[in-house]
Amino acid sequence: MKCFIQSLRFVAACSLVCLVSFSTDASAQDAKEGKSIFDGKSLSGWSGLPANWRVEDGAITGESLASAPIANNTFLVYEKEVGDFVLNLEFKITGGNSGVQYRSKLIDKDKFIVGGYQADIDSQKRFMGINYEERGRGILAERGEIIKIDNAGAKSRVGSAGDVEALTSKFNVDAWNKYKIVAKANVLQHFINGALMSEVQDEQTDKQSKSGIIALQLHAGPPMKVQFKNLILSE
C-alpha cells in the first residue's frame, strides 16, 4: 500500500510539472507571436477622421479623393503607446505616399496630426522602407543605409543593408507587401518582404524617442488609397 501511495504522488507531481511547463510554453508562444491590433471588421481601438478611414475587404483603408482633398497629412492612431516592439503587417498602396508612425506623438488631436519616426511607404518607390522623422529631423536613413546618429545629431553611415536597386525590386506595386518594424532600445529597423531596408541607431538623447503611439498615414496631395491588414504587435 505504501508503495502504491508513493506511486500516486509521483504521478500527480509529474502531471503538475507537465501542466506548469505547458502553461509556460504557451505563454512564451503567445508573447512570441504577439497580438492582433486590428480585428478585421472595425476600427475599434483606433482613432482618426471618419471621412478618410474605413474598413474595406477586411483591411484598414485610408483614402483621399480628388473631390475632397486633405489639407495636411492625417493619421489613424492606435490607442496604446508602446516602447520596444516588433510590428508585422501587410500593406497595399495605390498612388501617393504613406507610412507607419511609431514611438510618436499626437500633435493635433482634432486633425490627427502626428510627429515621430516613420517607416515610409510610397507608390513611386522613392521613399519605400526609409526612416523619416515626421515633423522632426527629416530623413534619418535612406533605403540600404545603416545610420548612426550621435548625441550631437551628426549622422554617419556605419553599414549597408544591401544594394539599393536589389532592395527596390522587393516591392510589389499595387499589391500586398509585408512590413516588419523592429524598435529595440535606440535601434530602429525596417524590413519589407523579408529584406532589411534601413536601420537607425539613434543616440541623440534630446531628440530620440523611447516610446509613443503607432499611427498610419494618409498623405496630403494627389488622390491616393492605402490599406493595412494582419497587424500583429509583439512587445
C-alpha atoms as a PDB file:
ATOM      1  CA  MET A   1       0.000   0.000   0.000  1.00  0.00           C
ATOM      2  CA  LYS A   2       2.807   2.377   0.904  1.00  0.00           C
ATOM      3  CA  CYS A   3       4.446   1.826  -2.497  1.00  0.00           C
ATOM      4  CA  PHE A   4       1.089   2.365  -4.205  1.00  0.00           C
ATOM      5  CA  ILE A   5       0.547   5.730  -2.461  1.00  0.00           C
ATOM      6  CA  GLN A   6       4.062   6.859  -3.297  1.00  0.00           C
ATOM      7  CA  SER A   7       3.442   5.934  -6.934  1.00  0.00           C
ATOM      8  CA  LEU A   8       0.273   8.029  -6.985  1.00  0.00           C
ATOM      9  CA  ARG A   9       2.153  11.005  -5.519  1.00  0.00           C
ATOM     10  CA  PHE A  10       4.844  10.628  -8.150  1.00  0.00           C
ATOM     11  CA  VAL A  11       2.313  10.578 -10.988  1.00  0.00           C
ATOM     12  CA  ALA A  12       0.496  13.619  -9.561  1.00  0.00           C
ATOM     13  CA  ALA A  13       3.761  15.523  -9.217  1.00  0.00           C
ATOM     14  CA  CYS A  14       4.747  14.684 -12.793  1.00  0.00           C
ATOM     15  CA  SER A  15       1.332  15.804 -14.025  1.00  0.00           C
ATOM     16  CA  LEU A  16       1.671  19.110 -12.200  1.00  0.00           C
ATOM     17  CA  VAL A  17       5.138  19.704 -13.643  1.00  0.00           C
ATOM     18  CA  CYS A  18       3.841  18.928 -17.138  1.00  0.00           C
ATOM     19  CA  LEU A  19       0.894  21.301 -16.640  1.00  0.00           C
ATOM     20  CA  VAL A  20       3.123  24.134 -15.428  1.00  0.00           C
ATOM     21  CA  SER A  21       5.569  23.501 -18.264  1.00  0.00           C
ATOM     22  CA  PHE A  22       2.757  23.508 -20.839  1.00  0.00           C
ATOM     23  CA  SER A  23       1.323  26.761 -19.469  1.00  0.00           C
ATOM     24  CA  THR A  24       4.740  28.425 -19.505  1.00  0.00           C
ATOM     25  CA  ASP A  25       5.420  27.267 -23.056  1.00  0.00           C
ATOM     26  CA  ALA A  26       2.004  28.502 -24.183  1.00  0.00           C
ATOM     27  CA  SER A  27       2.593  31.928 -22.590  1.00  0.00           C
ATOM     28  CA  ALA A  28       6.016  32.167 -24.224  1.00  0.00           C
ATOM     29  CA  GLN A  29       4.479  31.242 -27.575  1.00  0.00           C
ATOM     30  CA  ASP A  30       1.752  33.892 -27.183  1.00  0.00           C
ATOM     31  CA  ALA A  31       4.407  36.521 -26.365  1.00  0.00           C
ATOM     32  CA  LYS A  32       6.477  35.446 -29.356  1.00  0.00           C
ATOM     33  CA  GLU A  33       3.556  35.522 -31.762  1.00  0.00           C
ATOM     34  CA  GLY A  34       2.183  38.816 -30.456  1.00  0.00           C
ATOM     35  CA  LYS A  35      -1.374  40.046 -30.648  1.00  0.00           C
ATOM     36  CA  SER A  36      -3.583  41.412 -33.380  1.00  0.00           C
ATOM     37  CA  ILE A  37      -4.285  45.146 -33.059  1.00  0.00           C
ATOM     38  CA  PHE A  38      -6.934  45.158 -35.805  1.00  0.00           C
ATOM     39  CA  ASP A  39      -9.987  42.892 -35.672  1.00  0.00           C
ATOM     40  CA  GLY A  40     -10.538  42.864 -39.435  1.00  0.00           C
ATOM     41  CA  LYS A  41     -14.055  44.254 -39.104  1.00  0.00           C
ATOM     42  CA  SER A  42     -13.973  47.634 -37.369  1.00  0.00           C
ATOM     43  CA  LEU A  43     -11.686  50.469 -36.318  1.00  0.00           C
ATOM     44  CA  SER A  44     -12.129  49.595 -32.649  1.00  0.00           C
ATOM     45  CA  GLY A  45      -9.027  50.716 -30.746  1.00  0.00           C
ATOM     46  CA  TRP A  46      -8.107  53.243 -33.430  1.00  0.00           C
ATOM     47  CA  SER A  47      -8.958  56.944 -33.850  1.00  0.00           C
ATOM     48  CA  GLY A  48      -8.904  59.144 -36.951  1.00  0.00           C
ATOM     49  CA  LEU A  49     -11.013  61.269 -39.275  1.00  0.00           C
ATOM     50  CA  PRO A  50     -14.128  59.233 -40.191  1.00  0.00           C
ATOM     51  CA  ALA A  51     -14.251  60.806 -43.650  1.00  0.00           C
ATOM     52  CA  ASN A  52     -10.870  59.328 -44.547  1.00  0.00           C
ATOM     53  CA  TRP A  53     -10.657  55.969 -42.775  1.00  0.00           C
ATOM     54  CA  ARG A  54     -12.822  52.847 -43.023  1.00  0.00           C
ATOM     55  CA  VAL A  55     -12.625  49.050 -43.155  1.00  0.00           C
ATOM     56  CA  GLU A  56     -12.831  47.616 -46.659  1.00  0.00           C
ATOM     57  CA  ASP A  57     -12.377  43.959 -47.655  1.00  0.00           C
ATOM     58  CA  GLY A  58     -11.034  43.147 -44.199  1.00  0.00           C
ATOM     59  CA  ALA A  59      -8.388  45.876 -44.295  1.00  0.00           C
ATOM     60  CA  ILE A  60      -7.920  49.292 -42.687  1.00  0.00           C
ATOM     61  CA  THR A  61      -8.380  51.652 -45.621  1.00  0.00           C
ATOM     62  CA  GLY A  62      -7.341  55.287 -45.876  1.00  0.00           C
ATOM     63  CA  GLU A  63      -8.381  57.289 -48.913  1.00  0.00           C
ATOM     64  CA  SER A  64      -8.042  60.850 -50.133  1.00  0.00           C
ATOM     65  CA  LEU A  65     -10.325  61.822 -53.021  1.00  0.00           C
ATOM     66  CA  ALA A  66      -9.870  64.491 -55.687  1.00  0.00           C
ATOM     67  CA  SER A  67     -13.298  65.835 -54.734  1.00  0.00           C
ATOM     68  CA  ALA A  68     -12.300  66.143 -51.060  1.00  0.00           C
ATOM     69  CA  PRO A  69      -8.507  66.575 -50.754  1.00  0.00           C
ATOM     70  CA  ILE A  70      -6.954  66.695 -47.292  1.00  0.00           C
ATOM     71  CA  ALA A  71      -5.114  69.861 -46.266  1.00  0.00           C
ATOM     72  CA  ASN A  72      -2.390  68.137 -44.266  1.00  0.00           C
ATOM     73  CA  ASN A  73      -1.056  64.686 -43.518  1.00  0.00           C
ATOM     74  CA  THR A  74      -3.502  62.941 -41.233  1.00  0.00           C
ATOM     75  CA  PHE A  75      -3.259  59.670 -39.306  1.00  0.00           C
ATOM     76  CA  LEU A  76      -5.222  56.790 -37.880  1.00  0.00           C
ATOM     77  CA  VAL A  77      -3.933  56.406 -34.313  1.00  0.00           C
ATOM     78  CA  TYR A  78      -3.716  53.207 -32.255  1.00  0.00           C
ATOM     79  CA  GLU A  79      -4.990  53.713 -28.714  1.00  0.00           C
ATOM     80  CA  LYS A  80      -1.975  52.350 -26.810  1.00  0.00           C
ATOM     81  CA  GLU A  81       1.582  53.692 -26.511  1.00  0.00           C
ATOM     82  CA  VAL A  82       4.437  51.228 -26.993  1.00  0.00           C
ATOM     83  CA  GLY A  83       8.199  51.222 -26.411  1.00  0.00           C
ATOM     84  CA  ASP A  84      10.257  48.222 -27.523  1.00  0.00           C
ATOM     85  CA  PHE A  85       8.284  46.121 -30.001  1.00  0.00           C
ATOM     86  CA  VAL A  86       8.058  44.202 -33.242  1.00  0.00           C
ATOM     87  CA  LEU A  87       5.172  45.118 -35.553  1.00  0.00           C
ATOM     88  CA  ASN A  88       4.300  42.907 -38.510  1.00  0.00           C
ATOM     89  CA  LEU A  89       1.686  43.981 -41.042  1.00  0.00           C
ATOM     90  CA  GLU A  90       0.708  43.847 -44.700  1.00  0.00           C
ATOM     91  CA  PHE A  91       0.099  46.927 -46.835  1.00  0.00           C
ATOM     92  CA  LYS A  92      -1.012  47.919 -50.305  1.00  0.00           C
ATOM     93  CA  ILE A  93      -0.812  51.422 -51.766  1.00  0.00           C
ATOM     94  CA  THR A  94      -2.280  52.959 -54.900  1.00  0.00           C
ATOM     95  CA  GLY A  95      -0.868  56.408 -55.653  1.00  0.00           C
ATOM     96  CA  GLY A  96       0.651  58.850 -53.205  1.00  0.00           C
ATOM     97  CA  ASN A  97       2.674  58.323 -50.068  1.00  0.00           C
ATOM     98  CA  SER A  98       2.028  56.760 -46.678  1.00  0.00           C
ATOM     99  CA  GLY A  99       3.842  55.236 -43.731  1.00  0.00           C
ATOM    100  CA  VAL A 100       3.668  53.779 -40.249  1.00  0.00           C
ATOM    101  CA  GLN A 101       4.463  56.097 -37.361  1.00  0.00           C
ATOM    102  CA  TYR A 102       5.863  54.621 -34.143  1.00  0.00           C
ATOM    103  CA  ARG A 103       7.150  55.931 -30.806  1.00  0.00           C
ATOM    104  CA  SER A 104       5.409  59.078 -31.996  1.00  0.00           C
ATOM    105  CA  LYS A 105       3.394  61.946 -30.528  1.00  0.00           C
ATOM    106  CA  LEU A 106      -0.117  63.138 -31.348  1.00  0.00           C
ATOM    107  CA  ILE A 107       0.426  66.832 -32.076  1.00  0.00           C
ATOM    108  CA  ASP A 108      -3.130  67.868 -33.062  1.00  0.00           C
ATOM    109  CA  LYS A 109      -5.996  65.791 -31.616  1.00  0.00           C
ATOM    110  CA  ASP A 110      -8.634  67.312 -33.910  1.00  0.00           C
ATOM    111  CA  LYS A 111      -6.805  66.922 -37.224  1.00  0.00           C
ATOM    112  CA  PHE A 112      -4.922  63.796 -36.102  1.00  0.00           C
ATOM    113  CA  ILE A 113      -1.529  65.253 -36.941  1.00  0.00           C
ATOM    114  CA  VAL A 114       1.348  63.083 -35.704  1.00  0.00           C
ATOM    115  CA  GLY A 115       5.110  63.540 -35.428  1.00  0.00           C
ATOM    116  CA  GLY A 116       7.856  60.972 -34.921  1.00  0.00           C
ATOM    117  CA  TYR A 117       9.675  58.035 -36.506  1.00  0.00           C
ATOM    118  CA  GLN A 118       8.072  56.736 -39.678  1.00  0.00           C
ATOM    119  CA  ALA A 119       8.538  53.554 -41.681  1.00  0.00           C
ATOM    120  CA  ASP A 120       7.838  55.003 -45.106  1.00  0.00           C
ATOM    121  CA  ILE A 121       5.606  53.658 -47.871  1.00  0.00           C
ATOM    122  CA  ASP A 122       5.135  55.219 -51.309  1.00  0.00           C
ATOM    123  CA  SER A 123       3.770  54.164 -54.663  1.00  0.00           C
ATOM    124  CA  GLN A 124       6.733  55.563 -56.627  1.00  0.00           C
ATOM    125  CA  LYS A 125       9.270  53.543 -54.568  1.00  0.00           C
ATOM    126  CA  ARG A 126      11.366  56.629 -53.799  1.00  0.00           C
ATOM    127  CA  PHE A 127      10.810  56.510 -50.037  1.00  0.00           C
ATOM    128  CA  MET A 128       9.751  52.907 -49.513  1.00  0.00           C
ATOM    129  CA  GLY A 129      11.488  51.463 -46.446  1.00  0.00           C
ATOM    130  CA  ILE A 130      13.344  54.587 -45.345  1.00  0.00           C
ATOM    131  CA  ASN A 131      13.203  56.051 -41.817  1.00  0.00           C
ATOM    132  CA  TYR A 132      11.668  59.524 -41.891  1.00  0.00           C
ATOM    133  CA  GLU A 133      11.036  61.583 -38.772  1.00  0.00           C
ATOM    134  CA  GLU A 134       7.772  63.424 -39.417  1.00  0.00           C
ATOM    135  CA  ARG A 135       7.813  66.998 -38.067  1.00  0.00           C
ATOM    136  CA  GLY A 136      11.328  66.386 -36.785  1.00  0.00           C
ATOM    137  CA  ARG A 137      14.746  65.680 -38.280  1.00  0.00           C
ATOM    138  CA  GLY A 138      13.506  64.546 -41.694  1.00  0.00           C
ATOM    139  CA  ILE A 139      15.157  61.579 -43.407  1.00  0.00           C
ATOM    140  CA  LEU A 140      17.189  59.632 -40.852  1.00  0.00           C
ATOM    141  CA  ALA A 141      18.186  56.727 -43.110  1.00  0.00           C
ATOM    142  CA  GLU A 142      17.699  56.092 -46.809  1.00  0.00           C
ATOM    143  CA  ARG A 143      16.929  52.661 -48.196  1.00  0.00           C
ATOM    144  CA  GLY A 144      20.013  50.472 -47.959  1.00  0.00           C
ATOM    145  CA  GLU A 145      21.628  52.523 -45.194  1.00  0.00           C
ATOM    146  CA  ILE A 146      22.591  51.711 -41.627  1.00  0.00           C
ATOM    147  CA  ILE A 147      22.955  55.099 -39.938  1.00  0.00           C
ATOM    148  CA  LYS A 148      24.262  56.107 -36.528  1.00  0.00           C
ATOM    149  CA  ILE A 149      23.197  59.463 -35.099  1.00  0.00           C
ATOM    150  CA  ASP A 150      25.498  60.661 -32.333  1.00  0.00           C
ATOM    151  CA  ASN A 151      24.480  62.706 -29.306  1.00  0.00           C
ATOM    152  CA  ALA A 152      25.219  65.959 -31.166  1.00  0.00           C
ATOM    153  CA  GLY A 153      22.931  64.957 -34.034  1.00  0.00           C
ATOM    154  CA  ALA A 154      25.664  64.128 -36.545  1.00  0.00           C
ATOM    155  CA  LYS A 155      24.818  61.230 -38.868  1.00  0.00           C
ATOM    156  CA  SER A 156      27.327  58.687 -40.131  1.00  0.00           C
ATOM    157  CA  ARG A 157      26.856  55.623 -42.310  1.00  0.00           C
ATOM    158  CA  VAL A 158      28.143  52.635 -40.342  1.00  0.00           C
ATOM    159  CA  GLY A 159      26.923  49.824 -42.579  1.00  0.00           C
ATOM    160  CA  SER A 160      24.860  48.738 -45.543  1.00  0.00           C
ATOM    161  CA  ALA A 161      21.548  46.918 -45.768  1.00  0.00           C
ATOM    162  CA  GLY A 162      22.305  45.916 -49.361  1.00  0.00           C
ATOM    163  CA  ASP A 163      22.187  47.170 -52.914  1.00  0.00           C
ATOM    164  CA  VAL A 164      19.519  49.843 -53.372  1.00  0.00           C
ATOM    165  CA  GLU A 165      18.281  48.532 -56.727  1.00  0.00           C
ATOM    166  CA  ALA A 166      18.068  44.984 -55.400  1.00  0.00           C
ATOM    167  CA  LEU A 167      16.092  46.189 -52.393  1.00  0.00           C
ATOM    168  CA  THR A 168      13.778  48.238 -54.613  1.00  0.00           C
ATOM    169  CA  SER A 169      12.968  45.119 -56.627  1.00  0.00           C
ATOM    170  CA  LYS A 170      11.469  43.557 -53.482  1.00  0.00           C
ATOM    171  CA  PHE A 171       8.349  45.771 -53.652  1.00  0.00           C
ATOM    172  CA  ASN A 172       5.084  44.644 -55.222  1.00  0.00           C
ATOM    173  CA  VAL A 173       3.424  47.619 -56.931  1.00  0.00           C
ATOM    174  CA  ASP A 174      -0.355  47.861 -56.400  1.00  0.00           C
ATOM    175  CA  ALA A 175      -0.240  44.556 -54.495  1.00  0.00           C
ATOM    176  CA  TRP A 176       0.176  43.352 -50.936  1.00  0.00           C
ATOM    177  CA  ASN A 177       3.586  43.642 -49.249  1.00  0.00           C
ATOM    178  CA  LYS A 178       4.813  42.624 -45.795  1.00  0.00           C
ATOM    179  CA  TYR A 179       6.328  45.203 -43.443  1.00  0.00           C
ATOM    180  CA  LYS A 180       8.175  44.443 -40.216  1.00  0.00           C
ATOM    181  CA  ILE A 181       9.236  47.250 -37.891  1.00  0.00           C
ATOM    182  CA  VAL A 182      11.600  46.480 -35.029  1.00  0.00           C
ATOM    183  CA  ALA A 183      12.283  49.045 -32.281  1.00  0.00           C
ATOM    184  CA  LYS A 184      14.637  47.919 -29.532  1.00  0.00           C
ATOM    185  CA  ALA A 185      16.317  50.478 -27.268  1.00  0.00           C
ATOM    186  CA  ASN A 186      17.832  53.017 -29.699  1.00  0.00           C
ATOM    187  CA  VAL A 187      17.961  50.690 -32.741  1.00  0.00           C
ATOM    188  CA  LEU A 188      15.185  51.002 -35.336  1.00  0.00           C
ATOM    189  CA  GLN A 189      14.897  48.566 -38.245  1.00  0.00           C
ATOM    190  CA  HIS A 190      12.538  48.414 -41.228  1.00  0.00           C
ATOM    191  CA  PHE A 191      12.033  45.183 -43.222  1.00  0.00           C
ATOM    192  CA  ILE A 192       9.889  44.802 -46.347  1.00  0.00           C
ATOM    193  CA  ASN A 193       9.095  41.366 -47.730  1.00  0.00           C
ATOM    194  CA  GLY A 194      11.804  39.872 -45.535  1.00  0.00           C
ATOM    195  CA  ALA A 195      14.640  42.240 -46.513  1.00  0.00           C
ATOM    196  CA  LEU A 196      16.217  44.847 -44.215  1.00  0.00           C
ATOM    197  CA  MET A 197      15.605  48.233 -45.855  1.00  0.00           C
ATOM    198  CA  SER A 198      17.120  50.612 -43.316  1.00  0.00           C
ATOM    199  CA  GLU A 199      18.456  50.797 -39.788  1.00  0.00           C
ATOM    200  CA  VAL A 200      18.902  53.782 -37.475  1.00  0.00           C
ATOM    201  CA  GLN A 201      20.980  53.778 -34.303  1.00  0.00           C
ATOM    202  CA  ASP A 202      19.682  56.919 -32.605  1.00  0.00           C
ATOM    203  CA  GLU A 203      21.953  58.179 -29.840  1.00  0.00           C
ATOM    204  CA  GLN A 204      20.762  61.802 -29.895  1.00  0.00           C
ATOM    205  CA  THR A 205      19.244  61.860 -26.423  1.00  0.00           C
ATOM    206  CA  ASP A 206      17.429  65.183 -26.785  1.00  0.00           C
ATOM    207  CA  LYS A 207      15.654  64.058 -29.975  1.00  0.00           C
ATOM    208  CA  GLN A 208      15.286  60.273 -29.720  1.00  0.00           C
ATOM    209  CA  SER A 209      12.021  58.710 -28.644  1.00  0.00           C
ATOM    210  CA  LYS A 210      11.803  55.578 -26.495  1.00  0.00           C
ATOM    211  CA  SER A 211       8.029  55.163 -26.550  1.00  0.00           C
ATOM    212  CA  GLY A 212       4.920  56.613 -28.128  1.00  0.00           C
ATOM    213  CA  ILE A 213       1.971  55.906 -30.377  1.00  0.00           C
ATOM    214  CA  ILE A 214       1.604  53.841 -33.533  1.00  0.00           C
ATOM    215  CA  ALA A 215      -0.238  55.577 -36.372  1.00  0.00           C
ATOM    216  CA  LEU A 216      -0.996  55.002 -40.059  1.00  0.00           C
ATOM    217  CA  GLN A 217      -0.509  57.866 -42.506  1.00  0.00           C
ATOM    218  CA  LEU A 218      -2.714  59.334 -45.204  1.00  0.00           C
ATOM    219  CA  HIS A 219      -0.623  61.884 -47.124  1.00  0.00           C
ATOM    220  CA  ALA A 220      -1.806  65.269 -48.355  1.00  0.00           C
ATOM    221  CA  GLY A 221      -1.573  65.878 -52.111  1.00  0.00           C
ATOM    222  CA  PRO A 222      -2.897  63.894 -55.083  1.00  0.00           C
ATOM    223  CA  PRO A 223      -5.674  61.333 -54.585  1.00  0.00           C
ATOM    224  CA  MET A 224      -4.433  58.102 -53.000  1.00  0.00           C
ATOM    225  CA  LYS A 225      -5.519  54.924 -51.292  1.00  0.00           C
ATOM    226  CA  VAL A 226      -3.623  52.812 -48.773  1.00  0.00           C
ATOM    227  CA  GLN A 227      -4.658  49.616 -46.990  1.00  0.00           C
ATOM    228  CA  PHE A 228      -3.318  47.689 -43.985  1.00  0.00           C
ATOM    229  CA  LYS A 229      -4.187  44.232 -42.654  1.00  0.00           C
ATOM    230  CA  ASN A 230      -2.863  41.482 -40.372  1.00  0.00           C
ATOM    231  CA  LEU A 231      -1.310  43.926 -37.895  1.00  0.00           C
ATOM    232  CA  ILE A 232       0.466  41.857 -35.222  1.00  0.00           C
ATOM    233  CA  LEU A 233       2.237  43.628 -32.357  1.00  0.00           C
ATOM    234  CA  SER A 234       4.773  41.909 -30.105  1.00  0.00           C
ATOM    235  CA  GLU A 235       6.090  43.901 -27.136  1.00  0.00           C
END
